[in-house]
């Protein structure tokens, strides 16, 4: 992906135009023709992967949430999914769902801030491309070491500033780079100039401007 058009990702679906992490948000994102939607998953009490940024407060709240399998059914063959593993045991649960055939014809990337979940996914479904998310305080040597240890293909620094040297150093290690999601057109264009590989936004209209 280096030096090519960046992959365009709606953050929690088209969350500027529909409720985040909802089936409607993913439908809207597909309507704009983005490449992927990012979403967050937790494990339900029944063992299903539910799509939500925060863990559901109770069983009633849980029942109202989309299941990841429903999202796969919705986007199959039309849009990829970047799964952020949030809750305990979600790496293994994602592997089980993939092995059930539920993700057939859905392009997947999966990652987490929690390195143990990436490790869990690697052990159970090594074929899934892995991303590591990094919060503020991480420097390039640490990111490189973590990605190497976990066999991650994507480095996702979720902090600012991101400069050309950081991107170049990550690329030199054959990593693909995703920047923090942005809702500012000017910043999105700056990310393009840095030759990052994946750019995310809540608003698909911002992403489409990057194709012009």
C-alpha atoms as a PDB file:
ATOM      1  CA  UNK A   1       0.000   0.000   0.000  1.00  0.00           C
ATOM      2  CA  UNK A   2       2.975   2.320   0.398  1.00  0.00           C
ATOM      3  CA  UNK A   3       2.865   5.223  -2.091  1.00  0.00           C
ATOM      4  CA  UNK A   4      -0.509   4.018  -3.400  1.00  0.00           C
ATOM      5  CA  UNK A   5      -3.947   5.448  -2.661  1.00  0.00           C
ATOM      6  CA  UNK A   6      -4.642   5.046   1.049  1.00  0.00           C
ATOM      7  CA  UNK A   7      -7.249   2.585   2.197  1.00  0.00           C
ATOM      8  CA  UNK A   8     -10.276   4.543   3.453  1.00  0.00           C
ATOM      9  CA  UNK A   9     -11.943   3.457   6.694  1.00  0.00           C
ATOM     10  CA  UNK A  10     -15.091   4.727   8.377  1.00  0.00           C
ATOM     11  CA  UNK A  11     -14.548   4.913  12.133  1.00  0.00           C
ATOM     12  CA  UNK A  12     -17.283   2.939  13.927  1.00  0.00           C
ATOM     13  CA  UNK A  13     -19.101   3.025  10.609  1.00  0.00           C
ATOM     14  CA  UNK A  14     -20.196   6.366   9.201  1.00  0.00           C
ATOM     15  CA  UNK A  15     -20.604   7.569  12.768  1.00  0.00           C
ATOM     16  CA  UNK A  16     -20.899  11.241  11.798  1.00  0.00           C
ATOM     17  CA  UNK A  17     -24.083  10.381   9.908  1.00  0.00           C
ATOM     18  CA  UNK A  18     -25.622   7.512  11.914  1.00  0.00           C
ATOM     19  CA  UNK A  19     -25.280   6.075  15.437  1.00  0.00           C
ATOM     20  CA  UNK A  20     -21.770   4.689  15.916  1.00  0.00           C
ATOM     21  CA  UNK A  21     -21.237   0.940  15.648  1.00  0.00           C
ATOM     22  CA  UNK A  22     -24.796   0.466  14.379  1.00  0.00           C
ATOM     23  CA  UNK A  23     -25.946  -1.478  11.345  1.00  0.00           C
ATOM     24  CA  UNK A  24     -27.212   1.819   9.925  1.00  0.00           C
ATOM     25  CA  UNK A  25     -23.715   3.312  10.288  1.00  0.00           C
ATOM     26  CA  UNK A  26     -22.242   0.424   8.314  1.00  0.00           C
ATOM     27  CA  UNK A  27     -24.952   0.702   5.646  1.00  0.00           C
ATOM     28  CA  UNK A  28     -24.201   4.390   5.197  1.00  0.00           C
ATOM     29  CA  UNK A  29     -20.475   3.705   4.982  1.00  0.00           C
ATOM     30  CA  UNK A  30     -21.090   1.120   2.252  1.00  0.00           C
ATOM     31  CA  UNK A  31     -23.236   3.611   0.387  1.00  0.00           C
ATOM     32  CA  UNK A  32     -20.256   5.948   0.184  1.00  0.00           C
ATOM     33  CA  UNK A  33     -18.022   3.194  -1.136  1.00  0.00           C
ATOM     34  CA  UNK A  34     -15.344   3.241   1.556  1.00  0.00           C
ATOM     35  CA  UNK A  35     -12.968   0.305   1.751  1.00  0.00           C
ATOM     36  CA  UNK A  36     -13.467  -0.732   5.390  1.00  0.00           C
ATOM     37  CA  UNK A  37     -15.428   0.143   8.496  1.00  0.00           C
ATOM     38  CA  UNK A  38     -13.753  -0.011  11.879  1.00  0.00           C
ATOM     39  CA  UNK A  39     -15.783  -1.332  14.792  1.00  0.00           C
ATOM     40  CA  UNK A  40     -15.295  -2.386  18.422  1.00  0.00           C
ATOM     41  CA  UNK A  41     -16.232  -5.733  19.940  1.00  0.00           C
ATOM     42  CA  UNK A  42     -16.944  -7.192  23.357  1.00  0.00           C
ATOM     43  CA  UNK A  43     -18.030 -10.669  24.353  1.00  0.00           C
ATOM     44  CA  UNK A  44     -21.657 -11.037  25.416  1.00  0.00           C
ATOM     45  CA  UNK A  45     -22.801 -13.126  28.360  1.00  0.00           C
ATOM     46  CA  UNK A  46     -23.963 -15.718  25.828  1.00  0.00           C
ATOM     47  CA  UNK A  47     -20.556 -15.800  24.152  1.00  0.00           C
ATOM     48  CA  UNK A  48     -21.438 -13.739  21.053  1.00  0.00           C
ATOM     49  CA  UNK A  49     -19.251 -10.917  19.805  1.00  0.00           C
ATOM     50  CA  UNK A  50     -21.298  -7.740  20.140  1.00  0.00           C
ATOM     51  CA  UNK A  51     -20.443  -4.473  18.425  1.00  0.00           C
ATOM     52  CA  UNK A  52     -20.034  -1.600  20.870  1.00  0.00           C
ATOM     53  CA  UNK A  53     -17.281   0.718  22.048  1.00  0.00           C
ATOM     54  CA  UNK A  54     -18.015   0.146  25.727  1.00  0.00           C
ATOM     55  CA  UNK A  55     -19.038  -3.100  27.414  1.00  0.00           C
ATOM     56  CA  UNK A  56     -22.833  -3.419  27.710  1.00  0.00           C
ATOM     57  CA  UNK A  57     -24.090  -2.481  31.150  1.00  0.00           C
ATOM     58  CA  UNK A  58     -26.599  -5.312  31.440  1.00  0.00           C
ATOM     59  CA  UNK A  59     -28.344  -8.067  29.494  1.00  0.00           C
ATOM     60  CA  UNK A  60     -31.042  -5.727  28.190  1.00  0.00           C
ATOM     61  CA  UNK A  61     -28.464  -3.346  26.745  1.00  0.00           C
ATOM     62  CA  UNK A  62     -26.571  -6.291  25.308  1.00  0.00           C
ATOM     63  CA  UNK A  63     -29.607  -7.603  23.424  1.00  0.00           C
ATOM     64  CA  UNK A  64     -29.963  -4.290  21.590  1.00  0.00           C
ATOM     65  CA  UNK A  65     -26.447  -4.417  20.152  1.00  0.00           C
ATOM     66  CA  UNK A  66     -25.555  -5.737  16.699  1.00  0.00           C
ATOM     67  CA  UNK A  67     -23.691  -9.018  16.587  1.00  0.00           C
ATOM     68  CA  UNK A  68     -20.455  -9.077  14.625  1.00  0.00           C
ATOM     69  CA  UNK A  69     -21.895 -11.947  12.577  1.00  0.00           C
ATOM     70  CA  UNK A  70     -24.737  -9.623  11.510  1.00  0.00           C
ATOM     71  CA  UNK A  71     -22.216  -7.037  10.346  1.00  0.00           C
ATOM     72  CA  UNK A  72     -20.396  -9.682   8.324  1.00  0.00           C
ATOM     73  CA  UNK A  73     -23.680 -10.683   6.694  1.00  0.00           C
ATOM     74  CA  UNK A  74     -24.404  -7.042   5.868  1.00  0.00           C
ATOM     75  CA  UNK A  75     -21.054  -6.127   4.322  1.00  0.00           C
ATOM     76  CA  UNK A  76     -20.067  -9.417   2.715  1.00  0.00           C
ATOM     77  CA  UNK A  77     -18.355  -8.850  -0.605  1.00  0.00           C
ATOM     78  CA  UNK A  78     -18.912  -5.091  -0.401  1.00  0.00           C
ATOM     79  CA  UNK A  79     -16.804  -3.659   2.418  1.00  0.00           C
ATOM     80  CA  UNK A  80     -14.028  -4.852   4.704  1.00  0.00           C
ATOM     81  CA  UNK A  81     -14.079  -4.757   8.504  1.00  0.00           C
ATOM     82  CA  UNK A  82     -11.339  -3.557  10.840  1.00  0.00           C
ATOM     83  CA  UNK A  83     -12.159  -5.231  14.151  1.00  0.00           C
ATOM     84  CA  UNK A  84     -10.833  -3.577  17.279  1.00  0.00           C
ATOM     85  CA  UNK A  85     -10.689  -6.187  20.029  1.00  0.00           C
ATOM     86  CA  UNK A  86     -11.844  -4.514  23.243  1.00  0.00           C
ATOM     87  CA  UNK A  87     -13.131  -7.018  25.765  1.00  0.00           C
ATOM     88  CA  UNK A  88     -11.582 -10.072  27.382  1.00  0.00           C
ATOM     89  CA  UNK A  89     -11.369 -13.197  25.195  1.00  0.00           C
ATOM     90  CA  UNK A  90     -12.404 -11.346  22.033  1.00  0.00           C
ATOM     91  CA  UNK A  91      -9.340 -12.557  20.121  1.00  0.00           C
ATOM     92  CA  UNK A  92     -10.267 -16.206  20.584  1.00  0.00           C
ATOM     93  CA  UNK A  93     -13.961 -15.472  19.960  1.00  0.00           C
ATOM     94  CA  UNK A  94     -13.157 -13.741  16.681  1.00  0.00           C
ATOM     95  CA  UNK A  95     -11.101 -16.746  15.607  1.00  0.00           C
ATOM     96  CA  UNK A  96     -14.030 -19.060  16.416  1.00  0.00           C
ATOM     97  CA  UNK A  97     -16.403 -16.890  14.401  1.00  0.00           C
ATOM     98  CA  UNK A  98     -14.032 -16.867  11.429  1.00  0.00           C
ATOM     99  CA  UNK A  99     -13.597 -20.627  11.579  1.00  0.00           C
ATOM    100  CA  UNK A 100     -17.378 -21.039  11.557  1.00  0.00           C
ATOM    101  CA  UNK A 101     -17.417 -19.488   8.083  1.00  0.00           C
ATOM    102  CA  UNK A 102     -19.220 -16.329   9.199  1.00  0.00           C
ATOM    103  CA  UNK A 103     -16.528 -14.058   7.751  1.00  0.00           C
ATOM    104  CA  UNK A 104     -16.446 -15.667   4.314  1.00  0.00           C
ATOM    105  CA  UNK A 105     -15.792 -13.043   1.603  1.00  0.00           C
ATOM    106  CA  UNK A 106     -15.236 -10.291   4.193  1.00  0.00           C
ATOM    107  CA  UNK A 107     -11.802  -8.646   4.122  1.00  0.00           C
ATOM    108  CA  UNK A 108     -10.577  -8.450   7.714  1.00  0.00           C
ATOM    109  CA  UNK A 109      -7.993  -6.650   9.797  1.00  0.00           C
ATOM    110  CA  UNK A 110      -8.057  -7.136  13.573  1.00  0.00           C
ATOM    111  CA  UNK A 111      -6.115  -5.378  16.283  1.00  0.00           C
ATOM    112  CA  UNK A 112      -6.105  -3.944  19.765  1.00  0.00           C
ATOM    113  CA  UNK A 113      -4.403  -1.700  22.276  1.00  0.00           C
ATOM    114  CA  UNK A 114      -4.328  -4.834  24.433  1.00  0.00           C
ATOM    115  CA  UNK A 115      -1.410  -6.853  23.174  1.00  0.00           C
ATOM    116  CA  UNK A 116      -2.616 -10.009  24.903  1.00  0.00           C
ATOM    117  CA  UNK A 117      -5.704 -10.001  22.668  1.00  0.00           C
ATOM    118  CA  UNK A 118      -3.552  -9.731  19.553  1.00  0.00           C
ATOM    119  CA  UNK A 119      -1.487 -12.636  20.891  1.00  0.00           C
ATOM    120  CA  UNK A 120      -4.696 -14.612  21.461  1.00  0.00           C
ATOM    121  CA  UNK A 121      -5.855 -13.969  17.901  1.00  0.00           C
ATOM    122  CA  UNK A 122      -2.462 -14.872  16.466  1.00  0.00           C
ATOM    123  CA  UNK A 123      -2.523 -18.225  18.249  1.00  0.00           C
ATOM    124  CA  UNK A 124      -6.081 -19.073  17.202  1.00  0.00           C
ATOM    125  CA  UNK A 125      -6.300 -17.545  13.696  1.00  0.00           C
ATOM    126  CA  UNK A 126      -2.817 -16.652  12.451  1.00  0.00           C
ATOM    127  CA  UNK A 127      -4.164 -16.028   8.954  1.00  0.00           C
ATOM    128  CA  UNK A 128      -5.959 -12.822  10.022  1.00  0.00           C
ATOM    129  CA  UNK A 129      -3.895  -9.668   9.369  1.00  0.00           C
ATOM    130  CA  UNK A 130      -3.045  -8.109  12.729  1.00  0.00           C
ATOM    131  CA  UNK A 131      -2.770  -4.499  13.829  1.00  0.00           C
ATOM    132  CA  UNK A 132      -1.404  -3.072  17.049  1.00  0.00           C
ATOM    133  CA  UNK A 133      -2.874   0.183  18.333  1.00  0.00           C
ATOM    134  CA  UNK A 134      -0.513   2.463  20.228  1.00  0.00           C
ATOM    135  CA  UNK A 135      -1.505   5.245  22.590  1.00  0.00           C
ATOM    136  CA  UNK A 136       0.452   8.375  23.522  1.00  0.00           C
ATOM    137  CA  UNK A 137       3.931   7.772  24.890  1.00  0.00           C
ATOM    138  CA  UNK A 138       4.976   5.126  22.408  1.00  0.00           C
ATOM    139  CA  UNK A 139       8.079   5.803  20.335  1.00  0.00           C
ATOM    140  CA  UNK A 140       9.177   4.121  17.135  1.00  0.00           C
ATOM    141  CA  UNK A 141      11.596   1.563  18.662  1.00  0.00           C
ATOM    142  CA  UNK A 142       8.895   0.283  21.010  1.00  0.00           C
ATOM    143  CA  UNK A 143       6.293   0.106  18.248  1.00  0.00           C
ATOM    144  CA  UNK A 144       8.694  -1.796  16.027  1.00  0.00           C
ATOM    145  CA  UNK A 145       9.517  -4.267  18.799  1.00  0.00           C
ATOM    146  CA  UNK A 146       5.843  -4.882  19.628  1.00  0.00           C
ATOM    147  CA  UNK A 147       4.861  -5.408  15.992  1.00  0.00           C
ATOM    148  CA  UNK A 148       7.791  -7.769  15.481  1.00  0.00           C
ATOM    149  CA  UNK A 149       6.976  -9.762  18.615  1.00  0.00           C
ATOM    150  CA  UNK A 150       3.312 -10.202  17.679  1.00  0.00           C
ATOM    151  CA  UNK A 151       3.811 -10.586  13.938  1.00  0.00           C
ATOM    152  CA  UNK A 152       1.645  -7.557  13.216  1.00  0.00           C
ATOM    153  CA  UNK A 153       1.434  -6.247   9.677  1.00  0.00           C
ATOM    154  CA  UNK A 154      -0.123  -2.912  10.672  1.00  0.00           C
ATOM    155  CA  UNK A 155       1.113  -0.259  13.087  1.00  0.00           C
ATOM    156  CA  UNK A 156      -1.672   2.044  14.273  1.00  0.00           C
ATOM    157  CA  UNK A 157      -0.330   4.983  16.283  1.00  0.00           C
ATOM    158  CA  UNK A 158      -3.424   6.568  17.824  1.00  0.00           C
ATOM    159  CA  UNK A 159      -1.755   9.810  18.833  1.00  0.00           C
ATOM    160  CA  UNK A 160      -0.520  13.083  17.429  1.00  0.00           C
ATOM    161  CA  UNK A 161       1.692  14.377  15.990  1.00  0.00           C
ATOM    162  CA  UNK A 162       2.523  11.808  13.342  1.00  0.00           C
ATOM    163  CA  UNK A 163       5.486  12.951  11.284  1.00  0.00           C
ATOM    164  CA  UNK A 164       7.167  11.807   8.100  1.00  0.00           C
ATOM    165  CA  UNK A 165      10.107  10.268   9.961  1.00  0.00           C
ATOM    166  CA  UNK A 166       7.825   8.049  12.050  1.00  0.00           C
ATOM    167  CA  UNK A 167       5.947   6.862   8.963  1.00  0.00           C
ATOM    168  CA  UNK A 168       9.192   6.238   7.065  1.00  0.00           C
ATOM    169  CA  UNK A 169      10.697   4.273   9.956  1.00  0.00           C
ATOM    170  CA  UNK A 170       7.610   2.069  10.228  1.00  0.00           C
ATOM    171  CA  UNK A 171       7.570   1.547   6.465  1.00  0.00           C
ATOM    172  CA  UNK A 172      11.244   0.608   6.544  1.00  0.00           C
ATOM    173  CA  UNK A 173      10.249  -2.308   8.796  1.00  0.00           C
ATOM    174  CA  UNK A 174       7.657  -3.385   6.182  1.00  0.00           C
ATOM    175  CA  UNK A 175       4.768  -2.235   8.345  1.00  0.00           C
ATOM    176  CA  UNK A 176       1.627  -0.611   6.992  1.00  0.00           C
ATOM    177  CA  UNK A 177       0.675   2.555   8.854  1.00  0.00           C
ATOM    178  CA  UNK A 178      -2.738   3.729  10.016  1.00  0.00           C
ATOM    179  CA  UNK A 179      -3.109   7.177  11.551  1.00  0.00           C
ATOM    180  CA  UNK A 180      -5.550   8.359  14.231  1.00  0.00           C
ATOM    181  CA  UNK A 181      -9.010   8.942  12.837  1.00  0.00           C
ATOM    182  CA  UNK A 182      -9.639  12.511  11.758  1.00  0.00           C
ATOM    183  CA  UNK A 183     -12.687  14.624  10.996  1.00  0.00           C
ATOM    184  CA  UNK A 184     -10.635  17.509   9.577  1.00  0.00           C
ATOM    185  CA  UNK A 185     -10.214  17.668   5.810  1.00  0.00           C
ATOM    186  CA  UNK A 186      -6.873  19.482   6.044  1.00  0.00           C
ATOM    187  CA  UNK A 187      -5.445  16.893   8.417  1.00  0.00           C
ATOM    188  CA  UNK A 188      -6.667  14.050   6.217  1.00  0.00           C
ATOM    189  CA  UNK A 189      -4.806  15.574   3.272  1.00  0.00           C
ATOM    190  CA  UNK A 190      -1.696  15.949   5.445  1.00  0.00           C
ATOM    191  CA  UNK A 191      -1.886  12.235   6.217  1.00  0.00           C
ATOM    192  CA  UNK A 192      -1.987  11.536   2.477  1.00  0.00           C
ATOM    193  CA  UNK A 193       1.169  13.615   2.029  1.00  0.00           C
ATOM    194  CA  UNK A 194       2.867  11.452   4.680  1.00  0.00           C
ATOM    195  CA  UNK A 195       2.141   8.388   2.504  1.00  0.00           C
ATOM    196  CA  UNK A 196       0.277   6.564   5.245  1.00  0.00           C
ATOM    197  CA  UNK A 197      -1.536   3.415   4.186  1.00  0.00           C
ATOM    198  CA  UNK A 198      -4.877   3.710   5.997  1.00  0.00           C
ATOM    199  CA  UNK A 199      -6.861   6.835   6.864  1.00  0.00           C
ATOM    200  CA  UNK A 200      -9.997   6.756   9.019  1.00  0.00           C
ATOM    201  CA  UNK A 201     -12.771   9.238   9.712  1.00  0.00           C
ATOM    202  CA  UNK A 202     -16.215   9.328  11.259  1.00  0.00           C
ATOM    203  CA  UNK A 203     -17.355  11.126   8.100  1.00  0.00           C
ATOM    204  CA  UNK A 204     -17.180   9.305   4.752  1.00  0.00           C
ATOM    205  CA  UNK A 205     -17.550  12.622   2.919  1.00  0.00           C
ATOM    206  CA  UNK A 206     -14.110  13.625   4.200  1.00  0.00           C
ATOM    207  CA  UNK A 207     -12.654  10.332   3.013  1.00  0.00           C
ATOM    208  CA  UNK A 208     -14.112  10.688  -0.484  1.00  0.00           C
ATOM    209  CA  UNK A 209     -12.340  14.029  -0.877  1.00  0.00           C
ATOM    210  CA  UNK A 210      -9.064  12.101  -0.696  1.00  0.00           C
ATOM    211  CA  UNK A 211      -9.957  10.306  -3.945  1.00  0.00           C
ATOM    212  CA  UNK A 212     -10.262  13.507  -5.932  1.00  0.00           C
END
